[in-house]
PDB file of N, CA and C in Angstrom:
ATOM      1  N   ASP A   1      98.208-186.674  63.469  1.00  0.00           N
ATOM      2  CA  ASP A   1      97.458-187.255  64.560  1.00  0.00           C
ATOM      3  C   ASP A   1      97.882-186.606  65.865  1.00  0.00           C
ATOM      4  N   VAL A   2      96.929-186.494  66.766  1.00  0.00           N
ATOM      5  CA  VAL A   2      97.186-185.907  68.070  1.00  0.00           C
ATOM      6  C   VAL A   2      96.721-186.891  69.125  1.00  0.00           C
ATOM      7  N   GLY A   3      97.564-187.118  70.113  1.00  0.00           N
ATOM      8  CA  GLY A   3      97.182-187.945  71.254  1.00  0.00           C
ATOM      9  C   GLY A   3      97.194-187.080  72.490  1.00  0.00           C
ATOM     10  N   ILE A   4      96.222-187.280  73.348  1.00  0.00           N
ATOM     11  CA  ILE A   4      96.174-186.540  74.597  1.00  0.00           C
ATOM     12  C   ILE A   4      96.274-187.565  75.717  1.00  0.00           C
ATOM     13  N   PHE A   5      97.298-187.435  76.538  1.00  0.00           N
ATOM     14  CA  PHE A   5      97.551-188.366  77.627  1.00  0.00           C
ATOM     15  C   PHE A   5      97.540-187.571  78.917  1.00  0.00           C
ATOM     16  N   VAL A   6      96.723-187.975  79.866  1.00  0.00           N
ATOM     17  CA  VAL A   6      96.571-187.213  81.096  1.00  0.00           C
ATOM     18  C   VAL A   6      96.923-188.088  82.291  1.00  0.00           C
ATOM     19  N   SER A   7      97.765-187.541  83.148  1.00  0.00           N
ATOM     20  CA  SER A   7      98.121-188.205  84.397  1.00  0.00           C
ATOM     21  C   SER A   7      98.520-187.140  85.394  1.00  0.00           C
ATOM     22  N   GLN A   8      98.051-187.255  86.606  1.00  0.00           N
ATOM     23  CA  GLN A   8      98.429-186.278  87.617  1.00  0.00           C
ATOM     24  C   GLN A   8      99.900-186.399  87.975  1.00  0.00           C
ATOM     25  N   SER A   9     100.406-187.618  88.031  1.00  0.00           N
ATOM     26  CA  SER A   9     101.782-187.817  88.473  1.00  0.00           C
ATOM     27  C   SER A   9     102.744-188.013  87.319  1.00  0.00           C
ATOM     28  N   GLY A  10     102.231-188.317  86.144  1.00  0.00           N
ATOM     29  CA  GLY A  10     103.097-188.616  85.007  1.00  0.00           C
ATOM     30  C   GLY A  10     103.625-190.032  85.046  1.00  0.00           C
ATOM     31  N   GLU A  11     103.202-190.814  86.023  1.00  0.00           N
ATOM     32  CA  GLU A  11     103.712-192.169  86.163  1.00  0.00           C
ATOM     33  C   GLU A  11     102.630-193.232  86.054  1.00  0.00           C
ATOM     34  N   THR A  12     101.414-192.848  85.728  1.00  0.00           N
ATOM     35  CA  THR A  12     100.340-193.816  85.622  1.00  0.00           C
ATOM     36  C   THR A  12     100.675-194.831  84.545  1.00  0.00           C
ATOM     37  N   LYS A  13     100.599-196.101  84.888  1.00  0.00           N
ATOM     38  CA  LYS A  13     100.978-197.181  83.974  1.00  0.00           C
ATOM     39  C   LYS A  13     100.175-197.118  82.675  1.00  0.00           C
ATOM     40  N   ASP A  14      98.883-196.814  82.762  1.00  0.00           N
ATOM     41  CA  ASP A  14      98.063-196.734  81.548  1.00  0.00           C
ATOM     42  C   ASP A  14      98.568-195.651  80.610  1.00  0.00           C
ATOM     43  N   VAL A  15      98.978-194.516  81.170  1.00  0.00           N
ATOM     44  CA  VAL A  15      99.485-193.419  80.344  1.00  0.00           C
ATOM     45  C   VAL A  15     100.810-193.826  79.701  1.00  0.00           C
ATOM     46  N   LEU A  16     101.686-194.447  80.482  1.00  0.00           N
ATOM     47  CA  LEU A  16     102.965-194.895  79.914  1.00  0.00           C
ATOM     48  C   LEU A  16     102.744-195.918  78.809  1.00  0.00           C
ATOM     49  N   ASN A  17     101.795-196.828  79.007  1.00  0.00           N
ATOM     50  CA  ASN A  17     101.485-197.807  77.959  1.00  0.00           C
ATOM     51  C   ASN A  17     100.953-197.118  76.707  1.00  0.00           C
ATOM     52  N   ALA A  18     100.101-196.118  76.887  1.00  0.00           N
ATOM     53  CA  ALA A  18      99.549-195.384  75.736  1.00  0.00           C
ATOM     54  C   ALA A  18     100.643-194.630  74.998  1.00  0.00           C
ATOM     55  N   LEU A  19     101.564-194.012  75.743  1.00  0.00           N
ATOM     56  CA  LEU A  19     102.680-193.306  75.109  1.00  0.00           C
ATOM     57  C   LEU A  19     103.544-194.266  74.297  1.00  0.00           C
ATOM     58  N   GLU A  20     103.832-195.422  74.858  1.00  0.00           N
ATOM     59  CA  GLU A  20     104.650-196.394  74.149  1.00  0.00           C
ATOM     60  C   GLU A  20     103.930-196.899  72.896  1.00  0.00           C
ATOM     61  N   ALA A  21     102.621-197.144  72.998  1.00  0.00           N
ATOM     62  CA  ALA A  21     101.850-197.589  71.841  1.00  0.00           C
ATOM     63  C   ALA A  21     101.832-196.510  70.760  1.00  0.00           C
ATOM     64  N   ALA A  22     101.693-195.268  71.163  1.00  0.00           N
ATOM     65  CA  ALA A  22     101.707-194.170  70.190  1.00  0.00           C
ATOM     66  C   ALA A  22     103.062-194.092  69.502  1.00  0.00           C
ATOM     67  N   GLY A  23     104.132-194.291  70.251  1.00  0.00           N
ATOM     68  CA  GLY A  23     105.469-194.290  69.668  1.00  0.00           C
ATOM     69  C   GLY A  23     105.644-195.409  68.662  1.00  0.00           C
ATOM     70  N   ARG A  24     105.117-196.584  68.959  1.00  0.00           N
ATOM     71  CA  ARG A  24     105.197-197.710  68.010  1.00  0.00           C
ATOM     72  C   ARG A  24     104.434-197.415  66.730  1.00  0.00           C
ATOM     73  N   ARG A  25     103.405-196.579  66.821  1.00  0.00           N
ATOM     74  CA  ARG A  25     102.618-196.210  65.636  1.00  0.00           C
ATOM     75  C   ARG A  25     103.228-195.035  64.875  1.00  0.00           C
ATOM     76  N   GLY A  26     104.370-194.567  65.361  1.00  0.00           N
ATOM     77  CA  GLY A  26     105.064-193.498  64.653  1.00  0.00           C
ATOM     78  C   GLY A  26     104.787-192.102  65.164  1.00  0.00           C
ATOM     79  N   MET A  27     103.978-191.976  66.211  1.00  0.00           N
ATOM     80  CA  MET A  27     103.714-190.650  66.753  1.00  0.00           C
ATOM     81  C   MET A  27     104.979-190.139  67.432  1.00  0.00           C
ATOM     82  N   THR A  28     105.338-188.932  67.126  1.00  0.00           N
ATOM     83  CA  THR A  28     106.497-188.316  67.751  1.00  0.00           C
ATOM     84  C   THR A  28     106.055-187.009  68.385  1.00  0.00           C
ATOM     85  N   GLY A  29     106.852-186.518  69.298  1.00  0.00           N
ATOM     86  CA  GLY A  29     106.553-185.231  69.907  1.00  0.00           C
ATOM     87  C   GLY A  29     105.500-185.311  70.970  1.00  0.00           C
ATOM     88  N   PHE A  30     105.883-185.755  72.158  1.00  0.00           N
ATOM     89  CA  PHE A  30     104.944-185.855  73.260  1.00  0.00           C
ATOM     90  C   PHE A  30     105.046-184.665  74.195  1.00  0.00           C
ATOM     91  N   GLY A  31     106.205-184.037  74.269  1.00  0.00           N
ATOM     92  CA  GLY A  31     106.398-182.888  75.142  1.00  0.00           C
ATOM     93  C   GLY A  31     105.836-181.631  74.506  1.00  0.00           C
ATOM     94  N   LEU A  32     105.406-180.711  75.327  1.00  0.00           N
ATOM     95  CA  LEU A  32     104.761-179.502  74.817  1.00  0.00           C
ATOM     96  C   LEU A  32     105.621-178.756  73.806  1.00  0.00           C
ATOM     97  N   ALA A  33     106.888-178.571  74.106  1.00  0.00           N
ATOM     98  CA  ALA A  33     107.745-177.811  73.185  1.00  0.00           C
ATOM     99  C   ALA A  33     107.802-178.484  71.818  1.00  0.00           C
ATOM    100  N   ASN A  34     107.932-179.796  71.776  1.00  0.00           N
ATOM    101  CA  ASN A  34     108.033-180.505  70.503  1.00  0.00           C
ATOM    102  C   ASN A  34     106.699-180.537  69.762  1.00  0.00           C
ATOM    103  N   VAL A  35     105.611-180.647  70.497  1.00  0.00           N
ATOM    104  CA  VAL A  35     104.294-180.636  69.853  1.00  0.00           C
ATOM    105  C   VAL A  35     104.043-179.273  69.218  1.00  0.00           C
ATOM    106  N   VAL A  36     104.338-178.215  69.949  1.00  0.00           N
ATOM    107  CA  VAL A  36     104.113-176.857  69.428  1.00  0.00           C
ATOM    108  C   VAL A  36     105.002-176.601  68.213  1.00  0.00           C
ATOM    109  N   ALA A  37     106.255-177.022  68.287  1.00  0.00           N
ATOM    110  CA  ALA A  37     107.191-176.784  67.180  1.00  0.00           C
ATOM    111  C   ALA A  37     106.963-177.734  66.012  1.00  0.00           C
ATOM    112  N   ARG A  38     106.254-178.821  66.254  1.00  0.00           N
ATOM    113  CA  ARG A  38     106.020-179.868  65.246  1.00  0.00           C
ATOM    114  C   ARG A  38     107.324-180.496  64.753  1.00  0.00           C
ATOM    115  N   ARG A  39     108.295-180.493  65.654  1.00  0.00           N
ATOM    116  CA  ARG A  39     109.587-181.136  65.393  1.00  0.00           C
ATOM    117  C   ARG A  39     110.290-181.287  66.732  1.00  0.00           C
ATOM    118  N   GLU A  40     111.356-182.048  66.769  1.00  0.00           N
ATOM    119  CA  GLU A  40     112.056-182.218  68.037  1.00  0.00           C
ATOM    120  C   GLU A  40     112.920-181.001  68.335  1.00  0.00           C
ATOM    121  N   VAL A  41     112.537-180.280  69.350  1.00  0.00           N
ATOM    122  CA  VAL A  41     113.306-179.146  69.843  1.00  0.00           C
ATOM    123  C   VAL A  41     114.100-179.594  71.067  1.00  0.00           C
ATOM    124  N   ALA A  42     113.447-180.353  71.912  1.00  0.00           N
ATOM    125  CA  ALA A  42     114.061-180.845  73.153  1.00  0.00           C
ATOM    126  C   ALA A  42     113.959-182.363  73.182  1.00  0.00           C
ATOM    127  N   THR A  43     115.015-183.009  73.635  1.00  0.00           N
ATOM    128  CA  THR A  43     114.992-184.464  73.772  1.00  0.00           C
ATOM    129  C   THR A  43     113.941-184.850  74.805  1.00  0.00           C
ATOM    130  N   GLU A  44     113.151-185.846  74.476  1.00  0.00           N
ATOM    131  CA  GLU A  44     112.125-186.324  75.394  1.00  0.00           C
ATOM    132  C   GLU A  44     112.523-187.690  75.911  1.00  0.00           C
ATOM    133  N   LEU A  45     112.489-187.834  77.207  1.00  0.00           N
ATOM    134  CA  LEU A  45     112.790-189.115  77.833  1.00  0.00           C
ATOM    135  C   LEU A  45     111.558-189.573  78.599  1.00  0.00           C
ATOM    136  N   LEU A  46     111.034-190.723  78.227  1.00  0.00           N
ATOM    137  CA  LEU A  46     109.954-191.312  79.004  1.00  0.00           C
ATOM    138  C   LEU A  46     110.561-191.952  80.244  1.00  0.00           C
ATOM    139  N   GLN A  47     109.734-192.249  81.200  1.00  0.00           N
ATOM    140  CA  GLN A  47     110.191-192.682  82.512  1.00  0.00           C
ATOM    141  C   GLN A  47     111.249-193.777  82.437  1.00  0.00           C
ATOM    142  N   HIS A  48     111.019-194.809  81.661  1.00  0.00           N
ATOM    143  CA  HIS A  48     111.964-195.928  81.619  1.00  0.00           C
ATOM    144  C   HIS A  48     113.280-195.569  80.914  1.00  0.00           C
ATOM    145  N   GLU A  49     113.323-194.434  80.247  1.00  0.00           N
ATOM    146  CA  GLU A  49     114.540-193.991  79.558  1.00  0.00           C
ATOM    147  C   GLU A  49     115.432-193.118  80.438  1.00  0.00           C
ATOM    148  N   VAL A  50     114.916-192.713  81.581  1.00  0.00           N
ATOM    149  CA  VAL A  50     115.665-191.827  82.473  1.00  0.00           C
ATOM    150  C   VAL A  50     116.552-192.668  83.391  1.00  0.00           C
ATOM    151  N   ASN A  51     117.849-192.503  83.216  1.00  0.00           N
ATOM    152  CA  ASN A  51     118.820-193.175  84.072  1.00  0.00           C
ATOM    153  C   ASN A  51     120.065-192.292  84.100  1.00  0.00           C
ATOM    154  N   PRO A  52     120.961-192.527  85.027  1.00  0.00           N
ATOM    155  CA  PRO A  52     122.132-191.643  85.144  1.00  0.00           C
ATOM    156  C   PRO A  52     122.946-191.538  83.854  1.00  0.00           C
ATOM    157  N   GLU A  53     123.123-192.651  83.157  1.00  0.00           N
ATOM    158  CA  GLU A  53     123.926-192.608  81.927  1.00  0.00           C
ATOM    159  C   GLU A  53     123.262-191.748  80.864  1.00  0.00           C
ATOM    160  N   ARG A  54     121.960-191.959  80.656  1.00  0.00           N
ATOM    161  CA  ARG A  54     121.245-191.193  79.620  1.00  0.00           C
ATOM    162  C   ARG A  54     121.195-189.714  79.974  1.00  0.00           C
ATOM    163  N   LEU A  55     120.959-189.419  81.247  1.00  0.00           N
ATOM    164  CA  LEU A  55     120.953-188.011  81.663  1.00  0.00           C
ATOM    165  C   LEU A  55     122.317-187.371  81.441  1.00  0.00           C
ATOM    166  N   GLY A  56     123.379-188.116  81.729  1.00  0.00           N
ATOM    167  CA  GLY A  56     124.733-187.599  81.495  1.00  0.00           C
ATOM    168  C   GLY A  56     124.974-187.294  80.033  1.00  0.00           C
ATOM    169  N   VAL A  57     124.535-188.182  79.154  1.00  0.00           N
ATOM    170  CA  VAL A  57     124.689-187.973  77.710  1.00  0.00           C
ATOM    171  C   VAL A  57     123.925-186.721  77.276  1.00  0.00           C
ATOM    172  N   GLU A  58     122.685-186.605  77.717  1.00  0.00           N
ATOM    173  CA  GLU A  58     121.852-185.463  77.295  1.00  0.00           C
ATOM    174  C   GLU A  58     122.381-184.145  77.864  1.00  0.00           C
ATOM    175  N   LEU A  59     122.801-184.149  79.121  1.00  0.00           N
ATOM    176  CA  LEU A  59     123.349-182.921  79.713  1.00  0.00           C
ATOM    177  C   LEU A  59     124.648-182.509  79.027  1.00  0.00           C
ATOM    178  N   SER A  60     125.489-183.476  78.712  1.00  0.00           N
ATOM    179  CA  SER A  60     126.737-183.161  77.989  1.00  0.00           C
ATOM    180  C   SER A  60     126.421-182.545  76.635  1.00  0.00           C
ATOM    181  N   ARG A  61     125.413-183.087  75.966  1.00  0.00           N
ATOM    182  CA  ARG A  61     125.020-182.563  74.659  1.00  0.00           C
ATOM    183  C   ARG A  61     124.516-181.121  74.797  1.00  0.00           C
ATOM    184  N   LEU A  62     123.700-180.864  75.816  1.00  0.00           N
ATOM    185  CA  LEU A  62     123.150-179.520  76.009  1.00  0.00           C
ATOM    186  C   LEU A  62     124.216-178.500  76.383  1.00  0.00           C
ATOM    187  N   LEU A  63     125.240-178.956  77.069  1.00  0.00           N
ATOM    188  CA  LEU A  63     126.317-178.049  77.460  1.00  0.00           C
ATOM    189  C   LEU A  63     127.330-177.820  76.347  1.00  0.00           C
ATOM    190  N   ASN A  64     127.211-178.571  75.279  1.00  0.00           N
ATOM    191  CA  ASN A  64     128.107-178.412  74.134  1.00  0.00           C
ATOM    192  C   ASN A  64     127.832-177.052  73.492  1.00  0.00           C
ATOM    193  N   PRO A  65     128.843-176.200  73.350  1.00  0.00           N
ATOM    194  CA  PRO A  65     128.618-174.848  72.821  1.00  0.00           C
ATOM    195  C   PRO A  65     128.089-174.813  71.388  1.00  0.00           C
ATOM    196  N   THR A  66     128.187-175.907  70.654  1.00  0.00           N
ATOM    197  CA  THR A  66     127.624-175.912  69.301  1.00  0.00           C
ATOM    198  C   THR A  66     126.160-176.338  69.295  1.00  0.00           C
ATOM    199  N   VAL A  67     125.685-176.976  70.369  1.00  0.00           N
ATOM    200  CA  VAL A  67     124.301-177.454  70.450  1.00  0.00           C
ATOM    201  C   VAL A  67     123.398-176.441  71.149  1.00  0.00           C
ATOM    202  N   ALA A  68     123.889-175.822  72.220  1.00  0.00           N
ATOM    203  CA  ALA A  68     123.074-174.924  73.043  1.00  0.00           C
ATOM    204  C   ALA A  68     122.406-173.798  72.242  1.00  0.00           C
ATOM    205  N   PRO A  69     123.090-173.144  71.308  1.00  0.00           N
ATOM    206  CA  PRO A  69     122.413-172.077  70.556  1.00  0.00           C
ATOM    207  C   PRO A  69     121.222-172.587  69.740  1.00  0.00           C
ATOM    208  N   GLY A  70     121.327-173.791  69.192  1.00  0.00           N
ATOM    209  CA  GLY A  70     120.210-174.364  68.435  1.00  0.00           C
ATOM    210  C   GLY A  70     119.022-174.646  69.329  1.00  0.00           C
ATOM    211  N   LEU A  71     119.294-175.129  70.545  1.00  0.00           N
ATOM    212  CA  LEU A  71     118.217-175.372  71.495  1.00  0.00           C
ATOM    213  C   LEU A  71     117.536-174.063  71.876  1.00  0.00           C
ATOM    214  N   ARG A  72     118.337-173.036  72.159  1.00  0.00           N
ATOM    215  CA  ARG A  72     117.753-171.726  72.503  1.00  0.00           C
ATOM    216  C   ARG A  72     116.906-171.191  71.343  1.00  0.00           C
ATOM    217  N   ALA A  73     117.379-171.357  70.118  1.00  0.00           N
ATOM    218  CA  ALA A  73     116.621-170.888  68.958  1.00  0.00           C
ATOM    219  C   ALA A  73     115.308-171.663  68.824  1.00  0.00           C
ATOM    220  N   GLY A  74     115.363-172.973  69.045  1.00  0.00           N
ATOM    221  CA  GLY A  74     114.147-173.785  68.969  1.00  0.00           C
ATOM    222  C   GLY A  74     113.136-173.392  70.031  1.00  0.00           C
ATOM    223  N   LEU A  75     113.603-173.144  71.244  1.00  0.00           N
ATOM    224  CA  LEU A  75     112.694-172.722  72.311  1.00  0.00           C
ATOM    225  C   LEU A  75     112.134-171.326  72.047  1.00  0.00           C
ATOM    226  N   ALA A  76     112.913-170.465  71.426  1.00  0.00           N
ATOM    227  CA  ALA A  76     112.408-169.139  71.041  1.00  0.00           C
ATOM    228  C   ALA A  76     111.310-169.284  69.990  1.00  0.00           C
ATOM    229  N   GLU A  77     111.480-170.241  69.091  1.00  0.00           N
ATOM    230  CA  GLU A  77     110.448-170.522  68.076  1.00  0.00           C
ATOM    231  C   GLU A  77     109.152-170.972  68.760  1.00  0.00           C
ATOM    232  N   VAL A  78     109.276-171.844  69.750  1.00  0.00           N
ATOM    233  CA  VAL A  78     108.109-172.307  70.497  1.00  0.00           C
ATOM    234  C   VAL A  78     107.436-171.131  71.191  1.00  0.00           C
ATOM    235  N   ARG A  79     108.222-170.282  71.835  1.00  0.00           N
ATOM    236  CA  ARG A  79     107.668-169.096  72.498  1.00  0.00           C
ATOM    237  C   ARG A  79     106.902-168.240  71.494  1.00  0.00           C
ATOM    238  N   GLY A  80     107.436-168.094  70.291  1.00  0.00           N
ATOM    239  CA  GLY A  80     106.750-167.319  69.260  1.00  0.00           C
ATOM    240  C   GLY A  80     105.423-167.933  68.851  1.00  0.00           C
ATOM    241  N   HIS A  81     105.380-169.265  68.760  1.00  0.00           N
ATOM    242  CA  HIS A  81     104.129-169.953  68.415  1.00  0.00           C
ATOM    243  C   HIS A  81     103.081-169.799  69.515  1.00  0.00           C
ATOM    244  N   LEU A  82     103.531-169.811  70.774  1.00  0.00           N
ATOM    245  CA  LEU A  82     102.595-169.723  71.890  1.00  0.00           C
ATOM    246  C   LEU A  82     102.012-168.328  72.045  1.00  0.00           C
ATOM    247  N   GLY A  83     102.766-167.318  71.657  1.00  0.00           N
ATOM    248  CA  GLY A  83     102.272-165.951  71.740  1.00  0.00           C
ATOM    249  C   GLY A  83     102.203-165.436  73.164  1.00  0.00           C
ATOM    250  N   GLU A  84     101.281-164.530  73.382  1.00  0.00           N
ATOM    251  CA  GLU A  84     101.124-163.887  74.683  1.00  0.00           C
ATOM    252  C   GLU A  84     100.757-164.912  75.758  1.00  0.00           C
ATOM    253  N   SER A  85     100.797-164.497  77.022  1.00  0.00           N
ATOM    254  CA  SER A  85     100.432-165.394  78.116  1.00  0.00           C
ATOM    255  C   SER A  85      98.994-165.866  77.938  1.00  0.00           C
ATOM    256  N   GLY A  86      98.701-167.011  78.527  1.00  0.00           N
ATOM    257  CA  GLY A  86      97.364-167.588  78.388  1.00  0.00           C
ATOM    258  C   GLY A  86      97.281-168.647  77.305  1.00  0.00           C
ATOM    259  N   ALA A  87      98.432-169.125  76.828  1.00  0.00           N
ATOM    260  CA  ALA A  87      98.450-170.108  75.739  1.00  0.00           C
ATOM    261  C   ALA A  87      97.713-171.383  76.131  1.00  0.00           C
ATOM    262  N   ALA A  88      97.855-171.834  77.371  1.00  0.00           N
ATOM    263  CA  ALA A  88      97.192-173.078  77.789  1.00  0.00           C
ATOM    264  C   ALA A  88      95.679-172.956  77.650  1.00  0.00           C
ATOM    265  N   GLY A  89      95.136-171.827  78.033  1.00  0.00           N
ATOM    266  CA  GLY A  89      93.692-171.610  77.900  1.00  0.00           C
ATOM    267  C   GLY A  89      93.257-171.585  76.448  1.00  0.00           C
ATOM    268  N   ARG A  90      94.045-170.951  75.597  1.00  0.00           N
ATOM    269  CA  ARG A  90      93.705-170.905  74.169  1.00  0.00           C
ATOM    270  C   ARG A  90      93.750-172.303  73.553  1.00  0.00           C
ATOM    271  N   VAL A  91      94.748-173.093  73.946  1.00  0.00           N
ATOM    272  CA  VAL A  91      94.855-174.459  73.434  1.00  0.00           C
ATOM    273  C   VAL A  91      93.651-175.278  73.896  1.00  0.00           C
ATOM    274  N   ALA A  92      93.288-175.158  75.169  1.00  0.00           N
ATOM    275  CA  ALA A  92      92.140-175.902  75.687  1.00  0.00           C
ATOM    276  C   ALA A  92      90.860-175.528  74.944  1.00  0.00           C
ATOM    277  N   GLU A  93      90.648-174.246  74.707  1.00  0.00           N
ATOM    278  CA  GLU A  93      89.459-173.805  73.971  1.00  0.00           C
ATOM    279  C   GLU A  93      89.463-174.349  72.553  1.00  0.00           C
ATOM    280  N   ASP A  94      90.613-174.339  71.899  1.00  0.00           N
ATOM    281  CA  ASP A  94      90.729-174.850  70.538  1.00  0.00           C
ATOM    282  C   ASP A  94      90.430-176.349  70.496  1.00  0.00           C
ATOM    283  N   LEU A  95      90.983-177.094  71.448  1.00  0.00           N
ATOM    284  CA  LEU A  95      90.728-178.537  71.491  1.00  0.00           C
ATOM    285  C   LEU A  95      89.258-178.837  71.732  1.00  0.00           C
ATOM    286  N   LEU A  96      88.643-178.113  72.660  1.00  0.00           N
ATOM    287  CA  LEU A  96      87.219-178.321  72.923  1.00  0.00           C
ATOM    288  C   LEU A  96      86.375-178.024  71.691  1.00  0.00           C
ATOM    289  N   ALA A  97      86.710-176.955  70.987  1.00  0.00           N
ATOM    290  CA  ALA A  97      85.965-176.617  69.765  1.00  0.00           C
ATOM    291  C   ALA A  97      86.101-177.726  68.736  1.00  0.00           C
ATOM    292  N   LYS A  98      87.285-178.291  68.601  1.00  0.00           N
ATOM    293  CA  LYS A  98      87.510-179.377  67.634  1.00  0.00           C
ATOM    294  C   LYS A  98      86.748-180.634  68.053  1.00  0.00           C
ATOM    295  N   LEU A  99      86.701-180.917  69.335  1.00  0.00           N
ATOM    296  CA  LEU A  99      86.015-182.102  69.819  1.00  0.00           C
ATOM    297  C   LEU A  99      84.498-181.980  69.689  1.00  0.00           C
ATOM    298  N   GLU A 100      83.999-180.756  69.757  1.00  0.00           N
ATOM    299  CA  GLU A 100      82.551-180.530  69.667  1.00  0.00           C
ATOM    300  C   GLU A 100      82.032-180.528  68.240  1.00  0.00           C
ATOM    301  N   ARG A 101      82.932-180.385  67.248  1.00  0.00           N
ATOM    302  CA  ARG A 101      82.519-180.401  65.843  1.00  0.00           C
ATOM    303  C   ARG A 101      82.048-181.792  65.447  1.00  0.00           C
ATOM    304  N   PRO A 102      80.975-181.849  64.655  1.00  0.00           N
ATOM    305  CA  PRO A 102      80.553-183.178  64.170  1.00  0.00           C
ATOM    306  C   PRO A 102      81.613-183.773  63.233  1.00  0.00           C
ATOM    307  N   ALA A 103      81.753-185.078  63.294  1.00  0.00           N
ATOM    308  CA  ALA A 103      82.769-185.753  62.476  1.00  0.00           C
ATOM    309  C   ALA A 103      82.422-185.771  61.009  1.00  0.00           C
TER     310      ALA A 103
END
């Protein structure tokens, strides 16, 4: 399943409610890197999860020399999936084509 959530500021209450509802239904991977990789490459924090303690935990984890290489490898995998520049346009065209197909 794919959910598309749009907000100019990223703080629209309706979008946050939709993200939380999608999470309750088992949808994972809301950030671009995780969606492209189809697995968790980068930790995702929704607005209410961002606080000094959580940021400290995540930053400490990223600075851990045993974790950082895995993150770099995961992001390299995402870069490989995206291909040449213009990935956003290709994704938009693909989504539009899928939406225009009869069900």
